[in-house]
Amino acid sequence: MATIQWSETYRLGIGSIDTQHQRLFKIIEKINVLDMQNPSLKNEVREIFYELSDYMKKHFYDEECHMRRIDFPELEHHQTMHHKMIHQVNELIASKLPLEMIQTKLKFAIKKTLIEHIIHEDMKIKRYQSHNRRPHHDDFVMELPQV
């Protein structure tokens, strides 16, 4: 599979969300680079998988806070998609498959769900915000509550 890289195509024009999307792409690139290196780096591979899962949770939380703030009408639907993506990634990480298989499936899932989610679903936020002339609130990033 070709390397997945950040592109201006993915830019929403909402600084904090765009920055977080770019960070997700950097984590994804770590997975791609490890694929070309020594496959015996099991601990490092697992750490990157968990980094991706944790950061997706943080990003989705922040994105949902932003959608709530601008009264985005499809918030509930968007949250459902976020939950499904996190579940899919966590299920892959927890599976008993060989790491190489998890990498392959994870990269496919990232391309299929995360990238398409940005292009099709997150762009709805941009259009809604533009159409309703809502301020961007670029300083909305919040920390996840400590559990």
C-alpha atoms as a PDB file:
ATOM      1  CA  MET A   1       0.000   0.000   0.000  1.00  0.00           C
ATOM      2  CA  ALA A   2       1.275   3.452  -0.886  1.00  0.00           C
ATOM      3  CA  THR A   3       2.272   5.839   1.866  1.00  0.00           C
ATOM      4  CA  ILE A   4      -0.592   7.939   3.162  1.00  0.00           C
ATOM      5  CA  GLN A   5       0.507  11.546   3.532  1.00  0.00           C
ATOM      6  CA  TRP A   6      -1.137  14.778   4.603  1.00  0.00           C
ATOM      7  CA  SER A   7      -2.514  16.788   1.728  1.00  0.00           C
ATOM      8  CA  GLU A   8      -4.198  20.171   1.523  1.00  0.00           C
ATOM      9  CA  THR A   9      -7.221  18.194   0.309  1.00  0.00           C
ATOM     10  CA  TYR A  10      -7.785  17.229   3.945  1.00  0.00           C
ATOM     11  CA  ARG A  11      -7.615  20.812   5.290  1.00  0.00           C
ATOM     12  CA  LEU A  12     -10.818  21.965   6.969  1.00  0.00           C
ATOM     13  CA  GLY A  13      -9.592  25.470   7.676  1.00  0.00           C
ATOM     14  CA  ILE A  14     -10.068  24.882  11.402  1.00  0.00           C
ATOM     15  CA  GLY A  15      -6.539  25.242  12.736  1.00  0.00           C
ATOM     16  CA  SER A  16      -6.693  22.930  15.730  1.00  0.00           C
ATOM     17  CA  ILE A  17      -8.505  20.135  13.899  1.00  0.00           C
ATOM     18  CA  ASP A  18      -6.155  20.417  10.922  1.00  0.00           C
ATOM     19  CA  THR A  19      -3.146  20.235  13.261  1.00  0.00           C
ATOM     20  CA  GLN A  20      -4.566  17.114  14.898  1.00  0.00           C
ATOM     21  CA  HIS A  21      -5.305  15.534  11.505  1.00  0.00           C
ATOM     22  CA  GLN A  22      -1.683  16.206  10.512  1.00  0.00           C
ATOM     23  CA  ARG A  23      -0.489  14.502  13.709  1.00  0.00           C
ATOM     24  CA  LEU A  24      -2.655  11.463  12.883  1.00  0.00           C
ATOM     25  CA  PHE A  25      -0.939  11.293   9.493  1.00  0.00           C
ATOM     26  CA  LYS A  26       2.471  11.390  11.224  1.00  0.00           C
ATOM     27  CA  ILE A  27       1.491   8.463  13.450  1.00  0.00           C
ATOM     28  CA  ILE A  28       0.250   6.586  10.384  1.00  0.00           C
ATOM     29  CA  GLU A  29       3.591   7.257   8.686  1.00  0.00           C
ATOM     30  CA  LYS A  30       5.354   5.642  11.668  1.00  0.00           C
ATOM     31  CA  ILE A  31       3.364   2.489  10.930  1.00  0.00           C
ATOM     32  CA  ASN A  32       4.396   2.629   7.273  1.00  0.00           C
ATOM     33  CA  VAL A  33       8.071   3.143   8.121  1.00  0.00           C
ATOM     34  CA  LEU A  34       8.089   0.212  10.539  1.00  0.00           C
ATOM     35  CA  ASP A  35       6.642  -1.917   7.788  1.00  0.00           C
ATOM     36  CA  MET A  36       9.870  -1.362   5.843  1.00  0.00           C
ATOM     37  CA  GLN A  37      12.129  -2.051   8.814  1.00  0.00           C
ATOM     38  CA  ASN A  38      12.923  -5.055  10.946  1.00  0.00           C
ATOM     39  CA  PRO A  39       9.609  -6.829  11.616  1.00  0.00           C
ATOM     40  CA  SER A  40      10.919  -8.096  14.957  1.00  0.00           C
ATOM     41  CA  LEU A  41      10.349  -4.709  16.590  1.00  0.00           C
ATOM     42  CA  LYS A  42       7.163  -5.974  18.201  1.00  0.00           C
ATOM     43  CA  ASN A  43       7.138  -3.670  21.217  1.00  0.00           C
ATOM     44  CA  GLU A  44       7.724  -0.577  19.090  1.00  0.00           C
ATOM     45  CA  VAL A  45       4.982  -1.608  16.671  1.00  0.00           C
ATOM     46  CA  ARG A  46       2.513  -2.146  19.522  1.00  0.00           C
ATOM     47  CA  GLU A  47       3.445   1.230  21.073  1.00  0.00           C
ATOM     48  CA  ILE A  48       2.671   2.974  17.787  1.00  0.00           C
ATOM     49  CA  PHE A  49      -0.641   1.136  17.522  1.00  0.00           C
ATOM     50  CA  TYR A  50      -1.575   2.319  21.020  1.00  0.00           C
ATOM     51  CA  GLU A  51      -0.370   5.844  20.220  1.00  0.00           C
ATOM     52  CA  LEU A  52      -2.711   5.876  17.204  1.00  0.00           C
ATOM     53  CA  SER A  53      -5.649   4.607  19.262  1.00  0.00           C
ATOM     54  CA  ASP A  54      -5.051   7.096  22.096  1.00  0.00           C
ATOM     55  CA  TYR A  55      -4.603  10.030  19.764  1.00  0.00           C
ATOM     56  CA  MET A  56      -7.718   9.130  17.777  1.00  0.00           C
ATOM     57  CA  LYS A  57      -9.690   9.240  21.036  1.00  0.00           C
ATOM     58  CA  LYS A  58      -8.257  12.644  21.941  1.00  0.00           C
ATOM     59  CA  HIS A  59      -8.845  14.034  18.475  1.00  0.00           C
ATOM     60  CA  PHE A  60     -12.407  12.750  18.262  1.00  0.00           C
ATOM     61  CA  TYR A  61     -13.184  14.191  21.684  1.00  0.00           C
ATOM     62  CA  ASP A  62     -11.831  17.604  20.651  1.00  0.00           C
ATOM     63  CA  GLU A  63     -13.608  17.478  17.305  1.00  0.00           C
ATOM     64  CA  GLU A  64     -16.907  16.612  18.993  1.00  0.00           C
ATOM     65  CA  CYS A  65     -16.454  19.514  21.437  1.00  0.00           C
ATOM     66  CA  HIS A  66     -16.003  21.815  18.445  1.00  0.00           C
ATOM     67  CA  MET A  67     -19.099  20.411  16.732  1.00  0.00           C
ATOM     68  CA  ARG A  68     -21.097  20.922  19.930  1.00  0.00           C
ATOM     69  CA  ARG A  69     -19.849  24.497  20.157  1.00  0.00           C
ATOM     70  CA  ILE A  70     -21.026  25.353  16.629  1.00  0.00           C
ATOM     71  CA  ASP A  71     -24.312  23.416  17.016  1.00  0.00           C
ATOM     72  CA  PHE A  72     -23.399  20.985  14.249  1.00  0.00           C
ATOM     73  CA  PRO A  73     -26.641  19.151  13.401  1.00  0.00           C
ATOM     74  CA  GLU A  74     -24.996  15.797  12.608  1.00  0.00           C
ATOM     75  CA  LEU A  75     -23.056  15.534  15.867  1.00  0.00           C
ATOM     76  CA  GLU A  76     -24.726  12.332  17.037  1.00  0.00           C
ATOM     77  CA  HIS A  77     -24.145  10.574  13.712  1.00  0.00           C
ATOM     78  CA  HIS A  78     -20.536  11.782  13.687  1.00  0.00           C
ATOM     79  CA  GLN A  79     -19.998  10.482  17.236  1.00  0.00           C
ATOM     80  CA  THR A  80     -21.322   7.073  16.199  1.00  0.00           C
ATOM     81  CA  MET A  81     -18.785   6.937  13.361  1.00  0.00           C
ATOM     82  CA  HIS A  82     -15.999   7.946  15.741  1.00  0.00           C
ATOM     83  CA  HIS A  83     -16.951   5.170  18.173  1.00  0.00           C
ATOM     84  CA  LYS A  84     -16.974   2.619  15.363  1.00  0.00           C
ATOM     85  CA  MET A  85     -13.502   3.679  14.156  1.00  0.00           C
ATOM     86  CA  ILE A  86     -12.019   3.505  17.639  1.00  0.00           C
ATOM     87  CA  HIS A  87     -13.642   0.118  18.206  1.00  0.00           C
ATOM     88  CA  GLN A  88     -12.292  -1.179  14.883  1.00  0.00           C
ATOM     89  CA  VAL A  89      -8.739  -0.020  15.631  1.00  0.00           C
ATOM     90  CA  ASN A  90      -8.807  -1.341  19.204  1.00  0.00           C
ATOM     91  CA  GLU A  91     -10.210  -4.665  18.054  1.00  0.00           C
ATOM     92  CA  LEU A  92      -7.356  -5.042  15.573  1.00  0.00           C
ATOM     93  CA  ILE A  93      -4.745  -4.101  18.152  1.00  0.00           C
ATOM     94  CA  ALA A  94      -6.130  -6.603  20.670  1.00  0.00           C
ATOM     95  CA  SER A  95      -6.407  -9.416  18.135  1.00  0.00           C
ATOM     96  CA  LYS A  96      -4.166 -12.459  18.299  1.00  0.00           C
ATOM     97  CA  LEU A  97      -3.128 -12.046  14.656  1.00  0.00           C
ATOM     98  CA  PRO A  98       0.579 -11.753  13.807  1.00  0.00           C
ATOM     99  CA  LEU A  99       1.782  -8.137  13.992  1.00  0.00           C
ATOM    100  CA  GLU A 100       2.437  -8.016  10.258  1.00  0.00           C
ATOM    101  CA  MET A 101      -1.206  -8.934   9.617  1.00  0.00           C
ATOM    102  CA  ILE A 102      -2.384  -6.321  12.136  1.00  0.00           C
ATOM    103  CA  GLN A 103      -0.231  -3.705  10.358  1.00  0.00           C
ATOM    104  CA  THR A 104      -1.736  -4.588   6.994  1.00  0.00           C
ATOM    105  CA  LYS A 105      -5.307  -4.601   8.273  1.00  0.00           C
ATOM    106  CA  LEU A 106      -4.741  -1.401  10.253  1.00  0.00           C
ATOM    107  CA  LYS A 107      -3.366   0.419   7.212  1.00  0.00           C
ATOM    108  CA  PHE A 108      -6.371  -0.695   5.182  1.00  0.00           C
ATOM    109  CA  ALA A 109      -8.736   0.415   7.959  1.00  0.00           C
ATOM    110  CA  ILE A 110      -6.979   3.782   8.195  1.00  0.00           C
ATOM    111  CA  LYS A 111      -7.262   4.382   4.482  1.00  0.00           C
ATOM    112  CA  LYS A 112     -10.833   3.141   4.276  1.00  0.00           C
ATOM    113  CA  THR A 113     -12.263   4.781   7.363  1.00  0.00           C
ATOM    114  CA  LEU A 114     -10.085   7.583   8.722  1.00  0.00           C
ATOM    115  CA  ILE A 115      -9.081   9.186   5.420  1.00  0.00           C
ATOM    116  CA  GLU A 116     -12.520   8.804   3.878  1.00  0.00           C
ATOM    117  CA  HIS A 117     -14.014  10.111   7.120  1.00  0.00           C
ATOM    118  CA  ILE A 118     -11.976  13.312   6.829  1.00  0.00           C
ATOM    119  CA  ILE A 119     -12.799  13.778   3.149  1.00  0.00           C
ATOM    120  CA  HIS A 120     -16.527  13.044   3.367  1.00  0.00           C
ATOM    121  CA  GLU A 121     -17.675  13.584   6.952  1.00  0.00           C
ATOM    122  CA  ASP A 122     -15.332  16.184   8.435  1.00  0.00           C
ATOM    123  CA  MET A 123     -15.752  18.346   5.342  1.00  0.00           C
ATOM    124  CA  LYS A 124     -19.421  18.615   6.335  1.00  0.00           C
ATOM    125  CA  ILE A 125     -18.248  20.535   9.415  1.00  0.00           C
ATOM    126  CA  LYS A 126     -16.346  22.938   7.172  1.00  0.00           C
ATOM    127  CA  ARG A 127     -19.343  23.446   4.871  1.00  0.00           C
ATOM    128  CA  TYR A 128     -21.737  23.880   7.789  1.00  0.00           C
ATOM    129  CA  GLN A 129     -19.465  26.372   9.471  1.00  0.00           C
ATOM    130  CA  SER A 130     -18.952  28.331   6.230  1.00  0.00           C
ATOM    131  CA  HIS A 131     -22.638  28.300   5.333  1.00  0.00           C
ATOM    132  CA  ASN A 132     -23.684  29.425   8.793  1.00  0.00           C
ATOM    133  CA  ARG A 133     -20.744  31.800   9.148  1.00  0.00           C
ATOM    134  CA  ARG A 134     -19.780  30.219  12.452  1.00  0.00           C
ATOM    135  CA  PRO A 135     -16.474  31.313  14.003  1.00  0.00           C
ATOM    136  CA  HIS A 136     -13.749  28.665  13.926  1.00  0.00           C
ATOM    137  CA  HIS A 137     -12.718  28.778  17.592  1.00  0.00           C
ATOM    138  CA  ASP A 138      -9.214  27.551  16.800  1.00  0.00           C
ATOM    139  CA  ASP A 139      -8.356  27.534  20.479  1.00  0.00           C
ATOM    140  CA  PHE A 140     -10.924  24.866  21.339  1.00  0.00           C
ATOM    141  CA  VAL A 141      -8.473  22.018  22.015  1.00  0.00           C
ATOM    142  CA  MET A 142      -9.136  20.561  25.435  1.00  0.00           C
ATOM    143  CA  GLU A 143      -7.490  17.892  27.467  1.00  0.00           C
ATOM    144  CA  LEU A 144      -9.279  14.614  28.026  1.00  0.00           C
ATOM    145  CA  PRO A 145     -10.565  14.237  31.563  1.00  0.00           C
ATOM    146  CA  GLN A 146      -8.315  12.087  33.715  1.00  0.00           C
ATOM    147  CA  VAL A 147      -9.864   8.760  34.613  1.00  0.00           C
END
